[in-house]
């Protein structure tokens, strides 16, 4: 699905379920990691996580779009648009939007890249970043550390 198709889908959902036009931009944002979508208060645009479509089905995407449109329409109407507000909860239940987006599947990455070990006691240290072994010693026995 392209950004243009998403824009058209959001416009149709807004008109059909909210009986109000969507006058701003909706697009996919691959930088979203932990959330399904985002409504931007300043520009009134909507970002959608593309993983809501690739990792899940179209019904999940539809629920996320309705959720973000609830933020959009309530904010423009100067009513309670936050998750905790009664207006938001009521409108979300009325249109059948999803309250929570499912957590996107994360790529399995290695938790660490470097393994350091104390030369005296054998204590292991797992690190994502490289460290200068001349500046640090073992926290347990104060022995020298080396890269394994």
C-alpha atoms as a PDB file:
ATOM      1  CA  UNK A   1       0.000   0.000   0.000  1.00  0.00           C
ATOM      2  CA  UNK A   2       1.340   3.417  -0.919  1.00  0.00           C
ATOM      3  CA  UNK A   3       0.975   6.724   0.892  1.00  0.00           C
ATOM      4  CA  UNK A   4      -1.617   7.838  -1.670  1.00  0.00           C
ATOM      5  CA  UNK A   5      -3.707   4.725  -1.068  1.00  0.00           C
ATOM      6  CA  UNK A   6      -3.423   5.263   2.697  1.00  0.00           C
ATOM      7  CA  UNK A   7      -4.500   8.896   2.273  1.00  0.00           C
ATOM      8  CA  UNK A   8      -7.539   7.815   0.276  1.00  0.00           C
ATOM      9  CA  UNK A   9      -8.395   5.146   2.863  1.00  0.00           C
ATOM     10  CA  UNK A  10      -8.195   7.650   5.744  1.00  0.00           C
ATOM     11  CA  UNK A  11     -10.384  10.154   3.858  1.00  0.00           C
ATOM     12  CA  UNK A  12     -13.010   7.464   3.210  1.00  0.00           C
ATOM     13  CA  UNK A  13     -12.992   6.205   6.814  1.00  0.00           C
ATOM     14  CA  UNK A  14     -13.264   9.741   8.151  1.00  0.00           C
ATOM     15  CA  UNK A  15     -16.246  10.543   5.947  1.00  0.00           C
ATOM     16  CA  UNK A  16     -17.986   7.187   6.502  1.00  0.00           C
ATOM     17  CA  UNK A  17     -17.469   6.700  10.262  1.00  0.00           C
ATOM     18  CA  UNK A  18     -17.081  10.260  11.555  1.00  0.00           C
ATOM     19  CA  UNK A  19     -19.227  12.130   8.997  1.00  0.00           C
ATOM     20  CA  UNK A  20     -16.478  14.755   8.821  1.00  0.00           C
ATOM     21  CA  UNK A  21     -13.809  15.384   6.189  1.00  0.00           C
ATOM     22  CA  UNK A  22     -10.125  14.666   6.735  1.00  0.00           C
ATOM     23  CA  UNK A  23      -8.316  17.714   5.349  1.00  0.00           C
ATOM     24  CA  UNK A  24      -4.698  16.934   6.193  1.00  0.00           C
ATOM     25  CA  UNK A  25      -2.066  14.347   5.271  1.00  0.00           C
ATOM     26  CA  UNK A  26      -1.801  10.702   6.289  1.00  0.00           C
ATOM     27  CA  UNK A  27       1.304   8.708   5.449  1.00  0.00           C
ATOM     28  CA  UNK A  28       3.406   5.756   6.525  1.00  0.00           C
ATOM     29  CA  UNK A  29       6.320   6.501   8.853  1.00  0.00           C
ATOM     30  CA  UNK A  30       8.831   3.653   9.127  1.00  0.00           C
ATOM     31  CA  UNK A  31      10.594   5.373  12.034  1.00  0.00           C
ATOM     32  CA  UNK A  32       7.714   4.534  14.371  1.00  0.00           C
ATOM     33  CA  UNK A  33       8.859   1.554  16.417  1.00  0.00           C
ATOM     34  CA  UNK A  34       6.584   0.891  19.382  1.00  0.00           C
ATOM     35  CA  UNK A  35       3.344   2.565  18.374  1.00  0.00           C
ATOM     36  CA  UNK A  36       0.747   1.881  15.713  1.00  0.00           C
ATOM     37  CA  UNK A  37       0.292   5.479  14.684  1.00  0.00           C
ATOM     38  CA  UNK A  38       0.687   9.087  15.715  1.00  0.00           C
ATOM     39  CA  UNK A  39      -1.480  12.190  15.443  1.00  0.00           C
ATOM     40  CA  UNK A  40       0.610  15.362  15.251  1.00  0.00           C
ATOM     41  CA  UNK A  41      -0.960  18.221  17.179  1.00  0.00           C
ATOM     42  CA  UNK A  42       0.834  21.027  15.343  1.00  0.00           C
ATOM     43  CA  UNK A  43       0.378  19.944  11.729  1.00  0.00           C
ATOM     44  CA  UNK A  44      -2.726  17.741  12.232  1.00  0.00           C
ATOM     45  CA  UNK A  45      -1.118  15.043  10.082  1.00  0.00           C
ATOM     46  CA  UNK A  46      -1.347  11.347  10.887  1.00  0.00           C
ATOM     47  CA  UNK A  47       1.608   8.950  10.754  1.00  0.00           C
ATOM     48  CA  UNK A  48       0.938   5.222  10.524  1.00  0.00           C
ATOM     49  CA  UNK A  49       3.447   2.503  11.323  1.00  0.00           C
ATOM     50  CA  UNK A  50       3.800   0.375   8.153  1.00  0.00           C
ATOM     51  CA  UNK A  51       4.270  -2.709  10.339  1.00  0.00           C
ATOM     52  CA  UNK A  52       0.575  -2.511  11.232  1.00  0.00           C
ATOM     53  CA  UNK A  53      -0.052  -3.665   7.667  1.00  0.00           C
ATOM     54  CA  UNK A  54       2.922  -5.963   7.088  1.00  0.00           C
ATOM     55  CA  UNK A  55       2.954  -7.745  10.475  1.00  0.00           C
ATOM     56  CA  UNK A  56      -0.820  -7.791  11.003  1.00  0.00           C
ATOM     57  CA  UNK A  57      -3.970  -7.778   8.907  1.00  0.00           C
ATOM     58  CA  UNK A  58      -5.926  -4.911   7.387  1.00  0.00           C
ATOM     59  CA  UNK A  59      -8.444  -4.955  10.266  1.00  0.00           C
ATOM     60  CA  UNK A  60      -5.636  -3.954  12.634  1.00  0.00           C
ATOM     61  CA  UNK A  61      -4.666  -1.109  10.319  1.00  0.00           C
ATOM     62  CA  UNK A  62      -8.295  -0.002  10.192  1.00  0.00           C
ATOM     63  CA  UNK A  63      -8.485   0.066  14.002  1.00  0.00           C
ATOM     64  CA  UNK A  64      -5.307   2.148  14.246  1.00  0.00           C
ATOM     65  CA  UNK A  65      -6.578   4.622  11.633  1.00  0.00           C
ATOM     66  CA  UNK A  66      -9.861   5.037  13.523  1.00  0.00           C
ATOM     67  CA  UNK A  67      -7.917   5.573  16.750  1.00  0.00           C
ATOM     68  CA  UNK A  68      -5.833   8.357  15.201  1.00  0.00           C
ATOM     69  CA  UNK A  69      -8.887   9.899  13.561  1.00  0.00           C
ATOM     70  CA  UNK A  70     -10.514  10.107  17.004  1.00  0.00           C
ATOM     71  CA  UNK A  71      -7.554  12.196  18.164  1.00  0.00           C
ATOM     72  CA  UNK A  72      -7.804  14.295  14.990  1.00  0.00           C
ATOM     73  CA  UNK A  73     -11.507  15.125  15.075  1.00  0.00           C
ATOM     74  CA  UNK A  74     -11.703  15.701  18.826  1.00  0.00           C
ATOM     75  CA  UNK A  75      -8.653  17.982  18.806  1.00  0.00           C
ATOM     76  CA  UNK A  76     -10.062  20.086  15.985  1.00  0.00           C
ATOM     77  CA  UNK A  77     -13.416  20.273  17.810  1.00  0.00           C
ATOM     78  CA  UNK A  78     -11.617  21.483  20.989  1.00  0.00           C
ATOM     79  CA  UNK A  79     -12.843  18.503  22.990  1.00  0.00           C
ATOM     80  CA  UNK A  80     -10.970  15.904  25.046  1.00  0.00           C
ATOM     81  CA  UNK A  81      -8.608  14.219  22.582  1.00  0.00           C
ATOM     82  CA  UNK A  82      -6.263  12.501  25.038  1.00  0.00           C
ATOM     83  CA  UNK A  83      -6.438   8.796  25.865  1.00  0.00           C
ATOM     84  CA  UNK A  84      -7.699   9.463  29.387  1.00  0.00           C
ATOM     85  CA  UNK A  85     -10.545  11.791  28.330  1.00  0.00           C
ATOM     86  CA  UNK A  86     -14.137  10.593  28.380  1.00  0.00           C
ATOM     87  CA  UNK A  87     -14.875  12.154  24.984  1.00  0.00           C
ATOM     88  CA  UNK A  88     -12.059  10.155  23.428  1.00  0.00           C
ATOM     89  CA  UNK A  89     -13.109   6.868  25.012  1.00  0.00           C
ATOM     90  CA  UNK A  90     -16.728   7.393  24.015  1.00  0.00           C
ATOM     91  CA  UNK A  91     -15.974   8.261  20.378  1.00  0.00           C
ATOM     92  CA  UNK A  92     -13.483   5.404  20.048  1.00  0.00           C
ATOM     93  CA  UNK A  93     -16.080   2.898  21.257  1.00  0.00           C
ATOM     94  CA  UNK A  94     -18.712   4.432  18.984  1.00  0.00           C
ATOM     95  CA  UNK A  95     -16.645   4.039  15.791  1.00  0.00           C
ATOM     96  CA  UNK A  96     -15.046   0.733  16.793  1.00  0.00           C
ATOM     97  CA  UNK A  97     -11.422   1.827  16.819  1.00  0.00           C
ATOM     98  CA  UNK A  98      -8.718  -0.095  18.617  1.00  0.00           C
ATOM     99  CA  UNK A  99      -7.860   1.093  22.109  1.00  0.00           C
ATOM    100  CA  UNK A 100      -4.348  -0.368  21.939  1.00  0.00           C
ATOM    101  CA  UNK A 101      -2.271  -1.212  18.908  1.00  0.00           C
ATOM    102  CA  UNK A 102      -0.534  -4.583  18.966  1.00  0.00           C
ATOM    103  CA  UNK A 103       3.200  -4.508  19.531  1.00  0.00           C
ATOM    104  CA  UNK A 104       5.029  -4.782  16.213  1.00  0.00           C
ATOM    105  CA  UNK A 105       7.320  -7.749  15.775  1.00  0.00           C
ATOM    106  CA  UNK A 106      10.880  -6.664  16.450  1.00  0.00           C
ATOM    107  CA  UNK A 107      13.806  -7.762  14.360  1.00  0.00           C
ATOM    108  CA  UNK A 108      15.957 -10.164  16.295  1.00  0.00           C
ATOM    109  CA  UNK A 109      19.249  -8.401  16.771  1.00  0.00           C
ATOM    110  CA  UNK A 110      22.209  -9.543  18.773  1.00  0.00           C
ATOM    111  CA  UNK A 111      21.983  -8.147  22.296  1.00  0.00           C
ATOM    112  CA  UNK A 112      25.710  -7.492  22.460  1.00  0.00           C
ATOM    113  CA  UNK A 113      28.651  -7.214  20.106  1.00  0.00           C
ATOM    114  CA  UNK A 114      31.633  -7.393  22.431  1.00  0.00           C
ATOM    115  CA  UNK A 115      32.549  -9.821  25.174  1.00  0.00           C
ATOM    116  CA  UNK A 116      35.146  -8.827  27.743  1.00  0.00           C
ATOM    117  CA  UNK A 117      36.526 -11.126  30.421  1.00  0.00           C
ATOM    118  CA  UNK A 118      38.574 -10.559  33.572  1.00  0.00           C
ATOM    119  CA  UNK A 119      41.958 -12.262  33.330  1.00  0.00           C
ATOM    120  CA  UNK A 120      42.060 -12.948  37.055  1.00  0.00           C
ATOM    121  CA  UNK A 121      38.595 -14.168  38.114  1.00  0.00           C
ATOM    122  CA  UNK A 122      36.930 -14.884  34.750  1.00  0.00           C
ATOM    123  CA  UNK A 123      34.004 -12.459  35.196  1.00  0.00           C
ATOM    124  CA  UNK A 124      32.350 -11.779  31.812  1.00  0.00           C
ATOM    125  CA  UNK A 125      31.115  -8.404  30.595  1.00  0.00           C
ATOM    126  CA  UNK A 126      28.807  -8.138  27.576  1.00  0.00           C
ATOM    127  CA  UNK A 127      28.864  -4.757  25.828  1.00  0.00           C
ATOM    128  CA  UNK A 128      27.190  -3.230  22.808  1.00  0.00           C
ATOM    129  CA  UNK A 129      29.992  -0.702  22.441  1.00  0.00           C
ATOM    130  CA  UNK A 130      33.704  -1.192  22.381  1.00  0.00           C
ATOM    131  CA  UNK A 131      35.534  -0.010  25.524  1.00  0.00           C
ATOM    132  CA  UNK A 132      39.109   0.953  26.365  1.00  0.00           C
ATOM    133  CA  UNK A 133      40.455  -1.920  28.475  1.00  0.00           C
ATOM    134  CA  UNK A 134      43.354   0.176  29.775  1.00  0.00           C
ATOM    135  CA  UNK A 135      40.969   2.514  31.588  1.00  0.00           C
ATOM    136  CA  UNK A 136      38.782  -0.103  33.298  1.00  0.00           C
ATOM    137  CA  UNK A 137      39.333  -3.020  35.649  1.00  0.00           C
ATOM    138  CA  UNK A 138      37.136  -5.837  36.926  1.00  0.00           C
ATOM    139  CA  UNK A 139      34.419  -4.693  39.296  1.00  0.00           C
ATOM    140  CA  UNK A 140      34.687  -7.869  41.321  1.00  0.00           C
ATOM    141  CA  UNK A 141      38.438  -8.361  41.852  1.00  0.00           C
ATOM    142  CA  UNK A 142      40.075  -5.285  40.236  1.00  0.00           C
ATOM    143  CA  UNK A 143      41.854  -7.558  37.742  1.00  0.00           C
ATOM    144  CA  UNK A 144      42.708  -6.576  34.158  1.00  0.00           C
ATOM    145  CA  UNK A 145      40.028  -6.960  31.474  1.00  0.00           C
ATOM    146  CA  UNK A 146      40.611  -8.186  27.939  1.00  0.00           C
ATOM    147  CA  UNK A 147      38.473  -8.542  24.813  1.00  0.00           C
ATOM    148  CA  UNK A 148      37.544 -12.163  24.116  1.00  0.00           C
END
